[in-house]
Amino acid sequence: MSGAGDIDARLQELLTDLRDTLGSAVGEPVPLSGGITNRNFRVRFQEPIGECVLRLPGRDTGLLGIDRRAELDAGRQASRLGIGPTVVYGDERCLVTGYLTGAELDSDRLRARPQAVARALRAFHDSGLQLPARFWIPELLDEYAALLSQRGIAVGEPYRRTQRLIGEIAQALPLREPVPCHNDLLPGNLMSVAEDPDGAMLVDWEYAGMGHRWFDLGNLSVNNGFDAGAEDRLLTAYFDDERPTAGRRAALQLFKLVSDAREAAWGVVQGAISELDFDFGEYADQHFGRLRDATSDERRLRAWLRAATP
């Protein structure tokens, strides 16, 4: 596991390498809290660049399905659409984006008014961007399981049961028309900025890839505690003010399950590869438990599978 000294040395070496491109850093970088994959720092460069966030990728993050080229392309597209920060610089070693003056979206406000995030997602999904990475959970779960087996880690029954469930959902709602997706809509990746307090900015595009638009909707809902009313507001805004159908409500419920399956499997893999000081085993157990609770009513699950429509 890398210590703070290793991170500091890596950061200082990088800032030295970036002088010709971005200019010298002014003052000391400030570590930012949050994030359980990478290290983030607030760095001020000489004008005209100014205040930025510099992200150092964690170890072996490519094994998690992260494609840094896709992240860079997605971040630039989000910036062009006005739903993400400016991308200042990016390569395999780091990503530098403009610093946003604002705060994490208030969870109560998000549930009461999810329209801004819904519109941002629809704009990105329909942007026509083609990303070099594919993000499809049945495939990702298989890749994660193969990785664990290669490292001599037993793939337990909760994981195998989850794979079977996600296979059923994929049959009901297959990935026929992939669109560019964010794929990591945790509360910390949704921001309200001072310049547009009624809007929404999406940050941290490292899991971006061509995937199922319903994954983003389910991921947003389950990770931000949406109730039925908030989900109907989300679906109404995303689908151009159309009243939610029973089929779309069922699709959203199924992709909330897909989201928790991804989070649980991600936690298992991170426990095997990450250098960060975080209890990934507990994180995985939490999501396996939430998935188990959500599927405990077999009749309801079967009804969702029958009714779901895109």
C-alpha atoms as a PDB file:
ATOM      1  CA  MET A   1       0.000   0.000   0.000  1.00  0.00           C
ATOM      2  CA  SER A   2       1.415   3.403  -0.951  1.00  0.00           C
ATOM      3  CA  GLY A   3       1.911   5.861   1.876  1.00  0.00           C
ATOM      4  CA  ALA A   4       1.363   9.615   1.957  1.00  0.00           C
ATOM      5  CA  GLY A   5       5.040  10.193   1.186  1.00  0.00           C
ATOM      6  CA  ASP A   6       4.799   8.174  -2.022  1.00  0.00           C
ATOM      7  CA  ILE A   7       1.721  10.138  -3.096  1.00  0.00           C
ATOM      8  CA  ASP A   8       3.410  13.462  -2.330  1.00  0.00           C
ATOM      9  CA  ALA A   9       6.497  12.498  -4.329  1.00  0.00           C
ATOM     10  CA  ARG A  10       4.361  11.350  -7.252  1.00  0.00           C
ATOM     11  CA  LEU A  11       2.378  14.596  -7.175  1.00  0.00           C
ATOM     12  CA  GLN A  12       5.454  16.837  -7.033  1.00  0.00           C
ATOM     13  CA  GLU A  13       7.082  14.960  -9.908  1.00  0.00           C
ATOM     14  CA  LEU A  14       3.915  15.363 -11.957  1.00  0.00           C
ATOM     15  CA  LEU A  15       3.642  19.097 -11.238  1.00  0.00           C
ATOM     16  CA  THR A  16       7.235  19.499 -12.379  1.00  0.00           C
ATOM     17  CA  ASP A  17       6.468  17.642 -15.617  1.00  0.00           C
ATOM     18  CA  LEU A  18       3.391  19.808 -16.233  1.00  0.00           C
ATOM     19  CA  ARG A  19       5.169  23.160 -15.934  1.00  0.00           C
ATOM     20  CA  ASP A  20       5.718  23.520 -19.678  1.00  0.00           C
ATOM     21  CA  THR A  21       2.042  22.758 -20.364  1.00  0.00           C
ATOM     22  CA  LEU A  22       0.153  24.355 -17.468  1.00  0.00           C
ATOM     23  CA  GLY A  23       2.715  26.604 -15.832  1.00  0.00           C
ATOM     24  CA  SER A  24       3.949  26.432 -12.270  1.00  0.00           C
ATOM     25  CA  ALA A  25       1.716  25.608  -9.331  1.00  0.00           C
ATOM     26  CA  VAL A  26       1.214  28.470  -6.888  1.00  0.00           C
ATOM     27  CA  GLY A  27       1.426  27.455  -3.230  1.00  0.00           C
ATOM     28  CA  GLU A  28       0.938  23.931  -1.890  1.00  0.00           C
ATOM     29  CA  PRO A  29      -1.616  21.459  -3.269  1.00  0.00           C
ATOM     30  CA  VAL A  30      -4.520  20.872  -0.884  1.00  0.00           C
ATOM     31  CA  PRO A  31      -5.852  17.296  -0.532  1.00  0.00           C
ATOM     32  CA  LEU A  32      -9.605  16.998  -1.135  1.00  0.00           C
ATOM     33  CA  SER A  33     -11.766  14.602   0.828  1.00  0.00           C
ATOM     34  CA  GLY A  34     -14.103  12.094  -0.779  1.00  0.00           C
ATOM     35  CA  GLY A  35     -13.449   9.523  -3.456  1.00  0.00           C
ATOM     36  CA  ILE A  36     -12.596   5.875  -2.818  1.00  0.00           C
ATOM     37  CA  THR A  37     -10.694   5.115  -6.022  1.00  0.00           C
ATOM     38  CA  ASN A  38      -8.253   8.001  -6.499  1.00  0.00           C
ATOM     39  CA  ARG A  39      -6.467  10.891  -4.747  1.00  0.00           C
ATOM     40  CA  ASN A  40      -7.710  14.417  -5.457  1.00  0.00           C
ATOM     41  CA  PHE A  41      -5.987  17.750  -4.853  1.00  0.00           C
ATOM     42  CA  ARG A  42      -6.929  21.385  -5.226  1.00  0.00           C
ATOM     43  CA  VAL A  43      -4.089  23.076  -7.113  1.00  0.00           C
ATOM     44  CA  ARG A  44      -3.706  26.695  -8.197  1.00  0.00           C
ATOM     45  CA  PHE A  45      -1.734  27.203 -11.387  1.00  0.00           C
ATOM     46  CA  GLN A  46      -0.455  30.489 -12.723  1.00  0.00           C
ATOM     47  CA  GLU A  47      -2.955  32.539 -14.694  1.00  0.00           C
ATOM     48  CA  PRO A  48      -4.719  32.157 -17.020  1.00  0.00           C
ATOM     49  CA  ILE A  49      -5.406  28.589 -15.811  1.00  0.00           C
ATOM     50  CA  GLY A  50      -6.006  29.334 -12.132  1.00  0.00           C
ATOM     51  CA  GLU A  51      -7.745  27.041  -9.646  1.00  0.00           C
ATOM     52  CA  CYS A  52      -8.043  23.371 -10.600  1.00  0.00           C
ATOM     53  CA  VAL A  53      -8.695  19.882  -9.281  1.00  0.00           C
ATOM     54  CA  LEU A  54      -5.903  17.414 -10.029  1.00  0.00           C
ATOM     55  CA  ARG A  55      -6.751  13.728  -9.768  1.00  0.00           C
ATOM     56  CA  LEU A  56      -4.151  10.974  -9.353  1.00  0.00           C
ATOM     57  CA  PRO A  57      -5.577   7.581 -10.382  1.00  0.00           C
ATOM     58  CA  GLY A  58      -5.431   4.761  -7.882  1.00  0.00           C
ATOM     59  CA  ARG A  59      -3.464   1.591  -8.514  1.00  0.00           C
ATOM     60  CA  ASP A  60      -4.727  -0.826 -11.194  1.00  0.00           C
ATOM     61  CA  THR A  61      -7.928   1.128 -11.804  1.00  0.00           C
ATOM     62  CA  GLY A  62      -8.056  -0.261 -15.344  1.00  0.00           C
ATOM     63  CA  LEU A  63      -9.043  -3.584 -13.771  1.00  0.00           C
ATOM     64  CA  LEU A  64     -12.276  -1.941 -12.576  1.00  0.00           C
ATOM     65  CA  GLY A  65     -13.406  -1.215 -16.140  1.00  0.00           C
ATOM     66  CA  ILE A  66     -12.064   2.346 -16.211  1.00  0.00           C
ATOM     67  CA  ASP A  67     -10.835   3.644 -19.572  1.00  0.00           C
ATOM     68  CA  ARG A  68      -8.940   6.930 -19.226  1.00  0.00           C
ATOM     69  CA  ARG A  69      -9.455   7.830 -22.897  1.00  0.00           C
ATOM     70  CA  ALA A  70     -13.214   7.412 -22.470  1.00  0.00           C
ATOM     71  CA  GLU A  71     -13.124   9.479 -19.291  1.00  0.00           C
ATOM     72  CA  LEU A  72     -11.319  12.305 -21.055  1.00  0.00           C
ATOM     73  CA  ASP A  73     -13.694  12.264 -24.049  1.00  0.00           C
ATOM     74  CA  ALA A  74     -16.747  12.154 -21.779  1.00  0.00           C
ATOM     75  CA  GLY A  75     -15.474  14.983 -19.591  1.00  0.00           C
ATOM     76  CA  ARG A  76     -14.851  17.193 -22.615  1.00  0.00           C
ATOM     77  CA  GLN A  77     -18.311  16.466 -23.997  1.00  0.00           C
ATOM     78  CA  ALA A  78     -19.908  17.213 -20.630  1.00  0.00           C
ATOM     79  CA  SER A  79     -18.038  20.523 -20.520  1.00  0.00           C
ATOM     80  CA  ARG A  80     -19.261  21.410 -24.017  1.00  0.00           C
ATOM     81  CA  LEU A  81     -22.824  20.639 -22.923  1.00  0.00           C
ATOM     82  CA  GLY A  82     -22.441  22.819 -19.832  1.00  0.00           C
ATOM     83  CA  ILE A  83     -22.983  19.913 -17.431  1.00  0.00           C
ATOM     84  CA  GLY A  84     -19.388  19.289 -16.344  1.00  0.00           C
ATOM     85  CA  PRO A  85     -16.253  21.203 -15.391  1.00  0.00           C
ATOM     86  CA  THR A  86     -13.713  22.379 -17.946  1.00  0.00           C
ATOM     87  CA  VAL A  87     -11.128  19.740 -18.791  1.00  0.00           C
ATOM     88  CA  VAL A  88      -7.733  21.436 -18.584  1.00  0.00           C
ATOM     89  CA  TYR A  89      -5.438  18.456 -19.131  1.00  0.00           C
ATOM     90  CA  GLY A  90      -5.558  14.695 -19.103  1.00  0.00           C
ATOM     91  CA  ASP A  91      -3.367  11.664 -19.718  1.00  0.00           C
ATOM     92  CA  GLU A  92      -2.774   8.261 -18.110  1.00  0.00           C
ATOM     93  CA  ARG A  93      -1.047   9.892 -15.134  1.00  0.00           C
ATOM     94  CA  CYS A  94      -3.621  12.474 -14.111  1.00  0.00           C
ATOM     95  CA  LEU A  95      -6.703  14.513 -14.939  1.00  0.00           C
ATOM     96  CA  VAL A  96      -6.857  18.262 -14.355  1.00  0.00           C
ATOM     97  CA  THR A  97     -10.232  20.012 -14.404  1.00  0.00           C
ATOM     98  CA  GLY A  98     -11.432  23.471 -13.507  1.00  0.00           C
ATOM     99  CA  TYR A  99     -12.370  23.956  -9.876  1.00  0.00           C
ATOM    100  CA  LEU A 100     -16.108  24.423  -9.401  1.00  0.00           C
ATOM    101  CA  THR A 101     -17.271  26.892  -6.789  1.00  0.00           C
ATOM    102  CA  GLY A 102     -20.257  25.188  -5.246  1.00  0.00           C
ATOM    103  CA  ALA A 103     -21.264  22.184  -3.197  1.00  0.00           C
ATOM    104  CA  GLU A 104     -22.672  18.685  -3.418  1.00  0.00           C
ATOM    105  CA  LEU A 105     -26.309  18.816  -4.469  1.00  0.00           C
ATOM    106  CA  ASP A 106     -28.547  18.860  -1.429  1.00  0.00           C
ATOM    107  CA  SER A 107     -30.157  15.411  -1.262  1.00  0.00           C
ATOM    108  CA  ASP A 108     -33.594  16.681  -0.260  1.00  0.00           C
ATOM    109  CA  ARG A 109     -33.555  19.232  -3.048  1.00  0.00           C
ATOM    110  CA  LEU A 110     -32.414  16.614  -5.556  1.00  0.00           C
ATOM    111  CA  ARG A 111     -35.285  14.289  -4.657  1.00  0.00           C
ATOM    112  CA  ALA A 112     -37.801  17.152  -4.762  1.00  0.00           C
ATOM    113  CA  ARG A 113     -36.432  18.577  -8.034  1.00  0.00           C
ATOM    114  CA  PRO A 114     -34.446  16.026 -10.050  1.00  0.00           C
ATOM    115  CA  GLN A 115     -35.238  17.792 -13.309  1.00  0.00           C
ATOM    116  CA  ALA A 116     -31.837  19.447 -13.797  1.00  0.00           C
ATOM    117  CA  VAL A 117     -29.964  16.166 -13.422  1.00  0.00           C
ATOM    118  CA  ALA A 118     -32.509  14.369 -15.626  1.00  0.00           C
ATOM    119  CA  ARG A 119     -32.041  16.953 -18.387  1.00  0.00           C
ATOM    120  CA  ALA A 120     -28.254  16.755 -18.056  1.00  0.00           C
ATOM    121  CA  LEU A 121     -28.317  12.973 -18.425  1.00  0.00           C
ATOM    122  CA  ARG A 122     -30.672  13.083 -21.402  1.00  0.00           C
ATOM    123  CA  ALA A 123     -28.447  15.652 -23.138  1.00  0.00           C
ATOM    124  CA  PHE A 124     -25.371  13.496 -22.621  1.00  0.00           C
ATOM    125  CA  HIS A 125     -27.100  10.261 -23.622  1.00  0.00           C
ATOM    126  CA  ASP A 126     -28.433  11.824 -26.825  1.00  0.00           C
ATOM    127  CA  SER A 127     -25.238  13.743 -27.692  1.00  0.00           C
ATOM    128  CA  GLY A 128     -24.050  11.220 -30.274  1.00  0.00           C
ATOM    129  CA  LEU A 129     -20.681  10.836 -28.551  1.00  0.00           C
ATOM    130  CA  GLN A 130     -18.968   7.516 -29.256  1.00  0.00           C
ATOM    131  CA  LEU A 131     -16.746   6.400 -26.405  1.00  0.00           C
ATOM    132  CA  PRO A 132     -13.955   3.809 -26.756  1.00  0.00           C
ATOM    133  CA  ALA A 133     -15.170   1.857 -23.702  1.00  0.00           C
ATOM    134  CA  ARG A 134     -18.214  -0.361 -23.245  1.00  0.00           C
ATOM    135  CA  PHE A 135     -20.016  -0.449 -19.892  1.00  0.00           C
ATOM    136  CA  TRP A 136     -22.469  -3.335 -19.617  1.00  0.00           C
ATOM    137  CA  ILE A 137     -22.923  -4.893 -16.215  1.00  0.00           C
ATOM    138  CA  PRO A 138     -23.384  -8.592 -17.189  1.00  0.00           C
ATOM    139  CA  GLU A 139     -20.038  -8.449 -19.002  1.00  0.00           C
ATOM    140  CA  LEU A 140     -18.410  -6.472 -16.193  1.00  0.00           C
ATOM    141  CA  LEU A 141     -19.492  -9.017 -13.565  1.00  0.00           C
ATOM    142  CA  ASP A 142     -17.988 -11.813 -15.667  1.00  0.00           C
ATOM    143  CA  GLU A 143     -14.729  -9.876 -16.043  1.00  0.00           C
ATOM    144  CA  TYR A 144     -14.571  -9.166 -12.326  1.00  0.00           C
ATOM    145  CA  ALA A 145     -15.194 -12.838 -11.494  1.00  0.00           C
ATOM    146  CA  ALA A 146     -12.407 -13.924 -13.860  1.00  0.00           C
ATOM    147  CA  LEU A 147     -10.034 -11.411 -12.262  1.00  0.00           C
ATOM    148  CA  LEU A 148     -10.843 -12.662  -8.770  1.00  0.00           C
ATOM    149  CA  SER A 149     -10.301 -16.274  -9.827  1.00  0.00           C
ATOM    150  CA  GLN A 150      -6.943 -15.372 -11.379  1.00  0.00           C
ATOM    151  CA  ARG A 151      -5.890 -13.915  -8.035  1.00  0.00           C
ATOM    152  CA  GLY A 152      -6.949 -16.989  -6.141  1.00  0.00           C
ATOM    153  CA  ILE A 153      -9.986 -15.358  -4.537  1.00  0.00           C
ATOM    154  CA  ALA A 154     -13.094 -17.520  -4.268  1.00  0.00           C
ATOM    155  CA  VAL A 155     -16.180 -16.095  -5.958  1.00  0.00           C
ATOM    156  CA  GLY A 156     -18.895 -16.716  -3.384  1.00  0.00           C
ATOM    157  CA  GLU A 157     -22.538 -17.630  -3.793  1.00  0.00           C
ATOM    158  CA  PRO A 158     -23.828 -14.046  -3.263  1.00  0.00           C
ATOM    159  CA  TYR A 159     -21.762 -13.009  -6.282  1.00  0.00           C
ATOM    160  CA  ARG A 160     -22.909 -15.964  -8.404  1.00  0.00           C
ATOM    161  CA  ARG A 161     -26.536 -15.375  -7.401  1.00  0.00           C
ATOM    162  CA  THR A 162     -26.138 -11.749  -8.434  1.00  0.00           C
ATOM    163  CA  GLN A 163     -24.764 -12.782 -11.829  1.00  0.00           C
ATOM    164  CA  ARG A 164     -27.827 -14.954 -12.441  1.00  0.00           C
ATOM    165  CA  LEU A 165     -30.184 -12.126 -11.488  1.00  0.00           C
ATOM    166  CA  ILE A 166     -28.445  -9.627 -13.754  1.00  0.00           C
ATOM    167  CA  GLY A 167     -28.588 -12.141 -16.593  1.00  0.00           C
ATOM    168  CA  GLU A 168     -32.377 -12.264 -16.249  1.00  0.00           C
ATOM    169  CA  ILE A 169     -32.630  -8.479 -16.246  1.00  0.00           C
ATOM    170  CA  ALA A 170     -30.414  -8.273 -19.330  1.00  0.00           C
ATOM    171  CA  GLN A 171     -32.784 -10.613 -21.135  1.00  0.00           C
ATOM    172  CA  ALA A 172     -35.745  -8.386 -20.257  1.00  0.00           C
ATOM    173  CA  LEU A 173     -33.946  -5.132 -21.140  1.00  0.00           C
ATOM    174  CA  PRO A 174     -31.043  -5.946 -23.472  1.00  0.00           C
ATOM    175  CA  LEU A 175     -28.393  -3.453 -24.516  1.00  0.00           C
ATOM    176  CA  ARG A 176     -29.560  -2.873 -28.085  1.00  0.00           C
ATOM    177  CA  GLU A 177     -28.644   0.786 -28.583  1.00  0.00           C
ATOM    178  CA  PRO A 178     -25.684   1.779 -26.380  1.00  0.00           C
ATOM    179  CA  VAL A 179     -25.403   5.471 -25.512  1.00  0.00           C
ATOM    180  CA  PRO A 180     -22.662   7.376 -23.679  1.00  0.00           C
ATOM    181  CA  CYS A 181     -23.296   7.123 -19.940  1.00  0.00           C
ATOM    182  CA  HIS A 182     -21.789   8.472 -16.719  1.00  0.00           C
ATOM    183  CA  ASN A 183     -22.270   5.253 -14.708  1.00  0.00           C
ATOM    184  CA  ASP A 184     -21.287   6.590 -11.271  1.00  0.00           C
ATOM    185  CA  LEU A 185     -23.996   8.955 -10.026  1.00  0.00           C
ATOM    186  CA  LEU A 186     -23.156   8.920  -6.332  1.00  0.00           C
ATOM    187  CA  PRO A 187     -24.128  12.012  -4.294  1.00  0.00           C
ATOM    188  CA  GLY A 188     -20.556  13.318  -4.330  1.00  0.00           C
ATOM    189  CA  ASN A 189     -20.555  13.414  -8.138  1.00  0.00           C
ATOM    190  CA  LEU A 190     -23.561  15.759  -8.376  1.00  0.00           C
ATOM    191  CA  MET A 191     -22.895  19.437  -7.758  1.00  0.00           C
ATOM    192  CA  SER A 192     -24.736  22.707  -7.504  1.00  0.00           C
ATOM    193  CA  VAL A 193     -22.576  25.645  -8.569  1.00  0.00           C
ATOM    194  CA  ALA A 194     -22.778  29.297  -7.602  1.00  0.00           C
ATOM    195  CA  GLU A 195     -23.209  30.470 -11.201  1.00  0.00           C
ATOM    196  CA  ASP A 196     -26.364  28.368 -11.702  1.00  0.00           C
ATOM    197  CA  PRO A 197     -27.897  27.313  -8.379  1.00  0.00           C
ATOM    198  CA  ASP A 198     -30.909  25.738 -10.116  1.00  0.00           C
ATOM    199  CA  GLY A 199     -28.761  23.667 -12.475  1.00  0.00           C
ATOM    200  CA  ALA A 200     -26.600  20.609 -11.945  1.00  0.00           C
ATOM    201  CA  MET A 201     -23.025  19.714 -12.782  1.00  0.00           C
ATOM    202  CA  LEU A 202     -21.843  16.123 -13.092  1.00  0.00           C
ATOM    203  CA  VAL A 203     -18.255  15.387 -12.102  1.00  0.00           C
ATOM    204  CA  ASP A 204     -15.975  12.328 -12.063  1.00  0.00           C
ATOM    205  CA  TRP A 205     -16.534  10.715 -15.467  1.00  0.00           C
ATOM    206  CA  GLU A 206     -14.002   7.928 -15.003  1.00  0.00           C
ATOM    207  CA  TYR A 207     -16.538   5.094 -15.443  1.00  0.00           C
ATOM    208  CA  ALA A 208     -17.985   6.649 -18.602  1.00  0.00           C
ATOM    209  CA  GLY A 209     -18.675   4.228 -21.419  1.00  0.00           C
ATOM    210  CA  MET A 210     -21.200   3.135 -23.992  1.00  0.00           C
ATOM    211  CA  GLY A 211     -23.974   1.509 -22.039  1.00  0.00           C
ATOM    212  CA  HIS A 212     -27.665   1.380 -21.158  1.00  0.00           C
ATOM    213  CA  ARG A 213     -29.339   4.718 -20.448  1.00  0.00           C
ATOM    214  CA  TRP A 214     -31.469   2.987 -17.831  1.00  0.00           C
ATOM    215  CA  PHE A 215     -28.357   2.197 -15.815  1.00  0.00           C
ATOM    216  CA  ASP A 216     -27.758   5.918 -15.233  1.00  0.00           C
ATOM    217  CA  LEU A 217     -31.395   6.403 -14.200  1.00  0.00           C
ATOM    218  CA  GLY A 218     -31.391   3.440 -11.813  1.00  0.00           C
ATOM    219  CA  ASN A 219     -27.955   4.355 -10.474  1.00  0.00           C
ATOM    220  CA  LEU A 220     -29.073   7.931  -9.766  1.00  0.00           C
ATOM    221  CA  SER A 221     -32.266   6.784  -8.043  1.00  0.00           C
ATOM    222  CA  VAL A 222     -30.873   4.075  -5.780  1.00  0.00           C
ATOM    223  CA  ASN A 223     -27.735   5.986  -4.773  1.00  0.00           C
ATOM    224  CA  ASN A 224     -29.671   9.108  -3.825  1.00  0.00           C
ATOM    225  CA  GLY A 225     -32.577   7.588  -1.924  1.00  0.00           C
ATOM    226  CA  PHE A 226     -35.373   8.399  -4.383  1.00  0.00           C
ATOM    227  CA  ASP A 227     -38.862   7.429  -3.296  1.00  0.00           C
ATOM    228  CA  ALA A 228     -41.709   6.682  -5.723  1.00  0.00           C
ATOM    229  CA  GLY A 229     -42.605  10.339  -6.092  1.00  0.00           C
ATOM    230  CA  ALA A 230     -39.022  11.379  -6.842  1.00  0.00           C
ATOM    231  CA  GLU A 231     -38.706   8.537  -9.348  1.00  0.00           C
ATOM    232  CA  ASP A 232     -41.838   9.678 -11.175  1.00  0.00           C
ATOM    233  CA  ARG A 233     -40.460  13.227 -11.291  1.00  0.00           C
ATOM    234  CA  LEU A 234     -37.183  11.875 -12.675  1.00  0.00           C
ATOM    235  CA  LEU A 235     -38.881   9.811 -15.377  1.00  0.00           C
ATOM    236  CA  THR A 236     -41.226  12.646 -16.331  1.00  0.00           C
ATOM    237  CA  ALA A 237     -38.352  15.090 -16.777  1.00  0.00           C
ATOM    238  CA  TYR A 238     -36.121  12.623 -18.614  1.00  0.00           C
ATOM    239  CA  PHE A 239     -38.822  11.571 -21.078  1.00  0.00           C
ATOM    240  CA  ASP A 240     -39.897  15.085 -22.122  1.00  0.00           C
ATOM    241  CA  ASP A 241     -42.744  15.493 -19.626  1.00  0.00           C
ATOM    242  CA  GLU A 242     -44.420  12.219 -20.565  1.00  0.00           C
ATOM    243  CA  ARG A 243     -46.315  10.601 -17.717  1.00  0.00           C
ATOM    244  CA  PRO A 244     -44.378   7.527 -16.468  1.00  0.00           C
ATOM    245  CA  THR A 245     -45.733   4.220 -17.724  1.00  0.00           C
ATOM    246  CA  ALA A 246     -45.856   1.007 -15.729  1.00  0.00           C
ATOM    247  CA  GLY A 247     -43.188  -0.386 -18.049  1.00  0.00           C
ATOM    248  CA  ARG A 248     -40.787   2.463 -17.383  1.00  0.00           C
ATOM    249  CA  ARG A 249     -41.377   2.299 -13.649  1.00  0.00           C
ATOM    250  CA  ALA A 250     -40.539  -1.413 -13.757  1.00  0.00           C
ATOM    251  CA  ALA A 251     -37.409  -0.759 -15.839  1.00  0.00           C
ATOM    252  CA  LEU A 252     -36.216   1.748 -13.259  1.00  0.00           C
ATOM    253  CA  GLN A 253     -36.702  -0.754 -10.426  1.00  0.00           C
ATOM    254  CA  LEU A 254     -34.736  -3.393 -12.308  1.00  0.00           C
ATOM    255  CA  PHE A 255     -31.839  -1.087 -13.024  1.00  0.00           C
ATOM    256  CA  LYS A 256     -31.691  -0.061  -9.375  1.00  0.00           C
ATOM    257  CA  LEU A 257     -30.904  -3.742  -8.815  1.00  0.00           C
ATOM    258  CA  VAL A 258     -28.308  -3.654 -11.592  1.00  0.00           C
ATOM    259  CA  SER A 259     -26.691  -0.646  -9.931  1.00  0.00           C
ATOM    260  CA  ASP A 260     -26.408  -2.387  -6.567  1.00  0.00           C
ATOM    261  CA  ALA A 261     -25.011  -5.477  -8.284  1.00  0.00           C
ATOM    262  CA  ARG A 262     -22.272  -3.364  -9.822  1.00  0.00           C
ATOM    263  CA  GLU A 263     -21.477  -1.648  -6.500  1.00  0.00           C
ATOM    264  CA  ALA A 264     -21.277  -4.964  -4.646  1.00  0.00           C
ATOM    265  CA  ALA A 265     -19.007  -6.582  -7.236  1.00  0.00           C
ATOM    266  CA  TRP A 266     -16.882  -3.425  -7.427  1.00  0.00           C
ATOM    267  CA  GLY A 267     -16.383  -3.582  -3.667  1.00  0.00           C
ATOM    268  CA  VAL A 268     -15.196  -7.188  -3.879  1.00  0.00           C
ATOM    269  CA  VAL A 269     -12.643  -6.343  -6.582  1.00  0.00           C
ATOM    270  CA  GLN A 270     -11.465  -3.169  -4.872  1.00  0.00           C
ATOM    271  CA  GLY A 271     -10.830  -5.194  -1.741  1.00  0.00           C
ATOM    272  CA  ALA A 272      -8.403  -7.265  -3.803  1.00  0.00           C
ATOM    273  CA  ILE A 273      -6.549  -4.503  -5.662  1.00  0.00           C
ATOM    274  CA  SER A 274      -6.928  -1.118  -3.957  1.00  0.00           C
ATOM    275  CA  GLU A 275      -4.170   0.660  -2.039  1.00  0.00           C
ATOM    276  CA  LEU A 276      -6.612   3.006  -0.290  1.00  0.00           C
ATOM    277  CA  ASP A 277      -7.476   2.762   3.398  1.00  0.00           C
ATOM    278  CA  PHE A 278     -11.146   1.852   3.074  1.00  0.00           C
ATOM    279  CA  ASP A 279     -13.245  -1.145   4.137  1.00  0.00           C
ATOM    280  CA  PHE A 280     -14.289  -2.394   0.711  1.00  0.00           C
ATOM    281  CA  GLY A 281     -15.520  -5.687   2.165  1.00  0.00           C
ATOM    282  CA  GLU A 282     -18.100  -3.863   4.257  1.00  0.00           C
ATOM    283  CA  TYR A 283     -19.051  -1.777   1.206  1.00  0.00           C
ATOM    284  CA  ALA A 284     -19.633  -4.944  -0.837  1.00  0.00           C
ATOM    285  CA  ASP A 285     -21.644  -6.579   1.958  1.00  0.00           C
ATOM    286  CA  GLN A 286     -23.829  -3.480   2.262  1.00  0.00           C
ATOM    287  CA  HIS A 287     -24.774  -3.608  -1.404  1.00  0.00           C
ATOM    288  CA  PHE A 288     -25.216  -7.379  -1.511  1.00  0.00           C
ATOM    289  CA  GLY A 289     -27.545  -6.943   1.472  1.00  0.00           C
ATOM    290  CA  ARG A 290     -29.513  -4.155  -0.166  1.00  0.00           C
ATOM    291  CA  LEU A 291     -29.829  -6.253  -3.306  1.00  0.00           C
ATOM    292  CA  ARG A 292     -31.028  -9.248  -1.291  1.00  0.00           C
ATOM    293  CA  ASP A 293     -33.653  -7.140   0.485  1.00  0.00           C
ATOM    294  CA  ALA A 294     -34.879  -5.598  -2.775  1.00  0.00           C
ATOM    295  CA  THR A 295     -35.364  -9.022  -4.393  1.00  0.00           C
ATOM    296  CA  SER A 296     -36.878 -10.807  -1.393  1.00  0.00           C
ATOM    297  CA  ASP A 297     -40.376 -10.490  -2.898  1.00  0.00           C
ATOM    298  CA  GLU A 298     -40.118 -12.967  -5.780  1.00  0.00           C
ATOM    299  CA  ARG A 299     -43.597 -12.188  -7.098  1.00  0.00           C
ATOM    300  CA  ARG A 300     -42.805  -8.471  -7.339  1.00  0.00           C
ATOM    301  CA  LEU A 301     -39.501  -9.172  -9.096  1.00  0.00           C
ATOM    302  CA  ARG A 302     -41.229 -11.378 -11.669  1.00  0.00           C
ATOM    303  CA  ALA A 303     -43.825  -8.643 -12.251  1.00  0.00           C
ATOM    304  CA  TRP A 304     -41.062  -6.118 -12.952  1.00  0.00           C
ATOM    305  CA  LEU A 305     -39.390  -8.503 -15.391  1.00  0.00           C
ATOM    306  CA  ARG A 306     -42.661  -9.025 -17.270  1.00  0.00           C
ATOM    307  CA  ALA A 307     -43.673  -5.383 -17.339  1.00  0.00           C
ATOM    308  CA  ALA A 308     -40.368  -3.624 -18.050  1.00  0.00           C
ATOM    309  CA  THR A 309     -40.152  -1.607 -21.250  1.00  0.00           C
ATOM    310  CA  PRO A 310     -37.467   0.886 -22.332  1.00  0.00           C
END
